[in-house]
Amino acid sequence: MDDQLFGGLMAALNSFAEELVKKGLSNFEIQDKRYTLLKKNSILFIANSAKKVKEKKIMQEMLFIASKFFDLYSEDFLLNWDHDVSVFINFEKEIEDSLEETIKKFQDAFW
């Protein structure tokens, strides 16, 4: 699915949930995947994981990634951002170590 469309869908779901419960959507499950949402400074971060991964662990990693994101992208940059997610294409490289470390921890625990 196109990144822009998926992001729009998640934002719409979160807005709907905020209206219903005044708190927002924190996660939802589809088949064997869990999608976890974290809203920080009006930016919606979304992670997917297997259902068996503890939500607390996913949230810790998301908080780390969000912190890294805001370290790299200034408030001025975000205020002038045109909502085209392609400008963040290189962010994956910035968190690669974090992603690899998480994968390694899961492999060590289960293999």
C-alpha atoms as a PDB file:
ATOM      1  CA  MET A   1       0.000   0.000   0.000  1.00  0.00           C
ATOM      2  CA  ASP A   2       1.217   3.507  -0.771  1.00  0.00           C
ATOM      3  CA  ASP A   3       2.852   5.162   2.261  1.00  0.00           C
ATOM      4  CA  GLN A   4       0.801   8.349   1.898  1.00  0.00           C
ATOM      5  CA  LEU A   5      -2.488   6.424   1.715  1.00  0.00           C
ATOM      6  CA  PHE A   6      -1.593   4.215   4.672  1.00  0.00           C
ATOM      7  CA  GLY A   7      -0.602   7.252   6.740  1.00  0.00           C
ATOM      8  CA  GLY A   8      -3.851   8.977   5.820  1.00  0.00           C
ATOM      9  CA  LEU A   9      -5.852   5.921   6.843  1.00  0.00           C
ATOM     10  CA  MET A  10      -4.064   5.717  10.200  1.00  0.00           C
ATOM     11  CA  ALA A  11      -4.592   9.441  10.831  1.00  0.00           C
ATOM     12  CA  ALA A  12      -8.290   9.088  10.006  1.00  0.00           C
ATOM     13  CA  LEU A  13      -8.644   6.080  12.326  1.00  0.00           C
ATOM     14  CA  ASN A  14      -6.884   7.958  15.108  1.00  0.00           C
ATOM     15  CA  SER A  15      -9.108  11.031  14.642  1.00  0.00           C
ATOM     16  CA  PHE A  16     -12.183   8.805  14.754  1.00  0.00           C
ATOM     17  CA  ALA A  17     -10.947   7.114  17.938  1.00  0.00           C
ATOM     18  CA  GLU A  18     -10.151  10.499  19.543  1.00  0.00           C
ATOM     19  CA  GLU A  19     -13.718  11.600  18.935  1.00  0.00           C
ATOM     20  CA  LEU A  20     -15.065   8.398  20.467  1.00  0.00           C
ATOM     21  CA  VAL A  21     -12.924   8.170  23.576  1.00  0.00           C
ATOM     22  CA  LYS A  22     -11.056  11.506  23.723  1.00  0.00           C
ATOM     23  CA  LYS A  23      -7.808   9.551  23.996  1.00  0.00           C
ATOM     24  CA  GLY A  24      -7.023   8.149  20.570  1.00  0.00           C
ATOM     25  CA  LEU A  25      -6.261   4.727  19.209  1.00  0.00           C
ATOM     26  CA  SER A  26      -3.205   3.025  20.719  1.00  0.00           C
ATOM     27  CA  ASN A  27      -3.254  -0.229  18.736  1.00  0.00           C
ATOM     28  CA  PHE A  28      -5.346  -2.577  16.671  1.00  0.00           C
ATOM     29  CA  GLU A  29      -4.923  -6.080  15.269  1.00  0.00           C
ATOM     30  CA  ILE A  30      -5.491  -7.553  11.851  1.00  0.00           C
ATOM     31  CA  GLN A  31      -4.951 -11.291  11.522  1.00  0.00           C
ATOM     32  CA  ASP A  32      -1.515 -12.034  13.027  1.00  0.00           C
ATOM     33  CA  LYS A  33      -0.260  -8.414  13.074  1.00  0.00           C
ATOM     34  CA  ARG A  34      -0.609  -5.716  15.683  1.00  0.00           C
ATOM     35  CA  TYR A  35      -0.367  -2.055  14.667  1.00  0.00           C
ATOM     36  CA  THR A  36       0.731   0.263  17.449  1.00  0.00           C
ATOM     37  CA  LEU A  37       0.230   4.020  17.211  1.00  0.00           C
ATOM     38  CA  LEU A  38       2.050   6.759  19.068  1.00  0.00           C
ATOM     39  CA  LYS A  39       1.163  10.419  18.643  1.00  0.00           C
ATOM     40  CA  LYS A  40       3.885  12.894  19.642  1.00  0.00           C
ATOM     41  CA  ASN A  41       3.903  16.598  18.756  1.00  0.00           C
ATOM     42  CA  SER A  42       1.049  16.067  16.261  1.00  0.00           C
ATOM     43  CA  ILE A  43       3.057  13.400  14.374  1.00  0.00           C
ATOM     44  CA  LEU A  44       1.605   9.889  14.245  1.00  0.00           C
ATOM     45  CA  PHE A  45       4.170   7.071  14.505  1.00  0.00           C
ATOM     46  CA  ILE A  46       2.999   3.598  13.477  1.00  0.00           C
ATOM     47  CA  ALA A  47       4.709   0.262  14.087  1.00  0.00           C
ATOM     48  CA  ASN A  48       3.635  -3.214  13.133  1.00  0.00           C
ATOM     49  CA  SER A  49       4.613  -6.353  15.002  1.00  0.00           C
ATOM     50  CA  ALA A  50       3.538  -9.883  15.652  1.00  0.00           C
ATOM     51  CA  LYS A  51       0.754 -10.144  18.219  1.00  0.00           C
ATOM     52  CA  LYS A  52       3.008 -12.105  20.573  1.00  0.00           C
ATOM     53  CA  VAL A  53       5.478  -9.200  20.994  1.00  0.00           C
ATOM     54  CA  LYS A  54       4.779  -7.348  24.235  1.00  0.00           C
ATOM     55  CA  GLU A  55       3.146  -3.964  23.725  1.00  0.00           C
ATOM     56  CA  LYS A  56       5.406  -2.398  26.359  1.00  0.00           C
ATOM     57  CA  LYS A  57       8.502  -3.382  24.353  1.00  0.00           C
ATOM     58  CA  ILE A  58       7.047  -1.967  21.137  1.00  0.00           C
ATOM     59  CA  MET A  59       6.129   1.282  22.881  1.00  0.00           C
ATOM     60  CA  GLN A  60       9.650   1.641  24.331  1.00  0.00           C
ATOM     61  CA  GLU A  61      11.140   1.270  20.868  1.00  0.00           C
ATOM     62  CA  MET A  62       8.629   3.690  19.375  1.00  0.00           C
ATOM     63  CA  LEU A  63       9.443   6.305  22.014  1.00  0.00           C
ATOM     64  CA  PHE A  64      13.146   5.933  21.181  1.00  0.00           C
ATOM     65  CA  ILE A  65      12.441   6.287  17.453  1.00  0.00           C
ATOM     66  CA  ALA A  66      10.187   9.310  18.004  1.00  0.00           C
ATOM     67  CA  SER A  67      12.909  10.956  20.072  1.00  0.00           C
ATOM     68  CA  LYS A  68      15.454  10.308  17.320  1.00  0.00           C
ATOM     69  CA  PHE A  69      13.012  11.717  14.752  1.00  0.00           C
ATOM     70  CA  PHE A  70      12.572  14.979  16.648  1.00  0.00           C
ATOM     71  CA  ASP A  71      16.331  15.230  17.186  1.00  0.00           C
ATOM     72  CA  LEU A  72      16.850  15.050  13.409  1.00  0.00           C
ATOM     73  CA  TYR A  73      13.920  17.164  12.225  1.00  0.00           C
ATOM     74  CA  SER A  74      13.613  20.581  13.807  1.00  0.00           C
ATOM     75  CA  GLU A  75      10.369  22.193  14.872  1.00  0.00           C
ATOM     76  CA  ASP A  76      10.820  24.790  12.097  1.00  0.00           C
ATOM     77  CA  PHE A  77      11.261  22.046   9.520  1.00  0.00           C
ATOM     78  CA  LEU A  78       8.075  20.310  10.676  1.00  0.00           C
ATOM     79  CA  LEU A  79       6.087  23.568  10.784  1.00  0.00           C
ATOM     80  CA  ASN A  80       6.954  24.177   7.125  1.00  0.00           C
ATOM     81  CA  TRP A  81       6.549  20.542   6.068  1.00  0.00           C
ATOM     82  CA  ASP A  82       4.128  20.017   3.150  1.00  0.00           C
ATOM     83  CA  HIS A  83       3.007  16.548   4.442  1.00  0.00           C
ATOM     84  CA  ASP A  84       4.897  14.675   1.742  1.00  0.00           C
ATOM     85  CA  VAL A  85       6.382  11.716   3.630  1.00  0.00           C
ATOM     86  CA  SER A  86       9.016  11.139   0.946  1.00  0.00           C
ATOM     87  CA  VAL A  87      11.207  13.800   2.625  1.00  0.00           C
ATOM     88  CA  PHE A  88      11.741  11.297   5.455  1.00  0.00           C
ATOM     89  CA  ILE A  89      12.923   8.459   3.203  1.00  0.00           C
ATOM     90  CA  ASN A  90      16.409   8.536   4.744  1.00  0.00           C
ATOM     91  CA  PHE A  91      15.116   8.310   8.317  1.00  0.00           C
ATOM     92  CA  GLU A  92      15.122   4.506   8.064  1.00  0.00           C
ATOM     93  CA  LYS A  93      18.921   4.641   7.779  1.00  0.00           C
ATOM     94  CA  GLU A  94      19.059   6.727  10.956  1.00  0.00           C
ATOM     95  CA  ILE A  95      17.219   4.073  12.974  1.00  0.00           C
ATOM     96  CA  GLU A  96      18.692   1.030  11.224  1.00  0.00           C
ATOM     97  CA  ASP A  97      20.832   0.165  14.257  1.00  0.00           C
ATOM     98  CA  SER A  98      17.790   0.285  16.485  1.00  0.00           C
ATOM     99  CA  LEU A  99      15.829  -1.973  14.149  1.00  0.00           C
ATOM    100  CA  GLU A 100      18.725  -4.431  13.804  1.00  0.00           C
ATOM    101  CA  GLU A 101      19.285  -4.488  17.571  1.00  0.00           C
ATOM    102  CA  THR A 102      15.592  -5.238  18.164  1.00  0.00           C
ATOM    103  CA  ILE A 103      15.632  -8.049  15.593  1.00  0.00           C
ATOM    104  CA  LYS A 104      18.801  -9.481  17.145  1.00  0.00           C
ATOM    105  CA  LYS A 105      17.233  -9.432  20.626  1.00  0.00           C
ATOM    106  CA  PHE A 106      14.171 -11.293  19.347  1.00  0.00           C
ATOM    107  CA  GLN A 107      16.357 -13.848  17.557  1.00  0.00           C
ATOM    108  CA  ASP A 108      18.472 -14.398  20.679  1.00  0.00           C
ATOM    109  CA  ALA A 109      15.334 -14.898  22.734  1.00  0.00           C
ATOM    110  CA  PHE A 110      13.578 -17.303  20.366  1.00  0.00           C
ATOM    111  CA  TRP A 111      16.283 -19.140  18.393  1.00  0.00           C
END
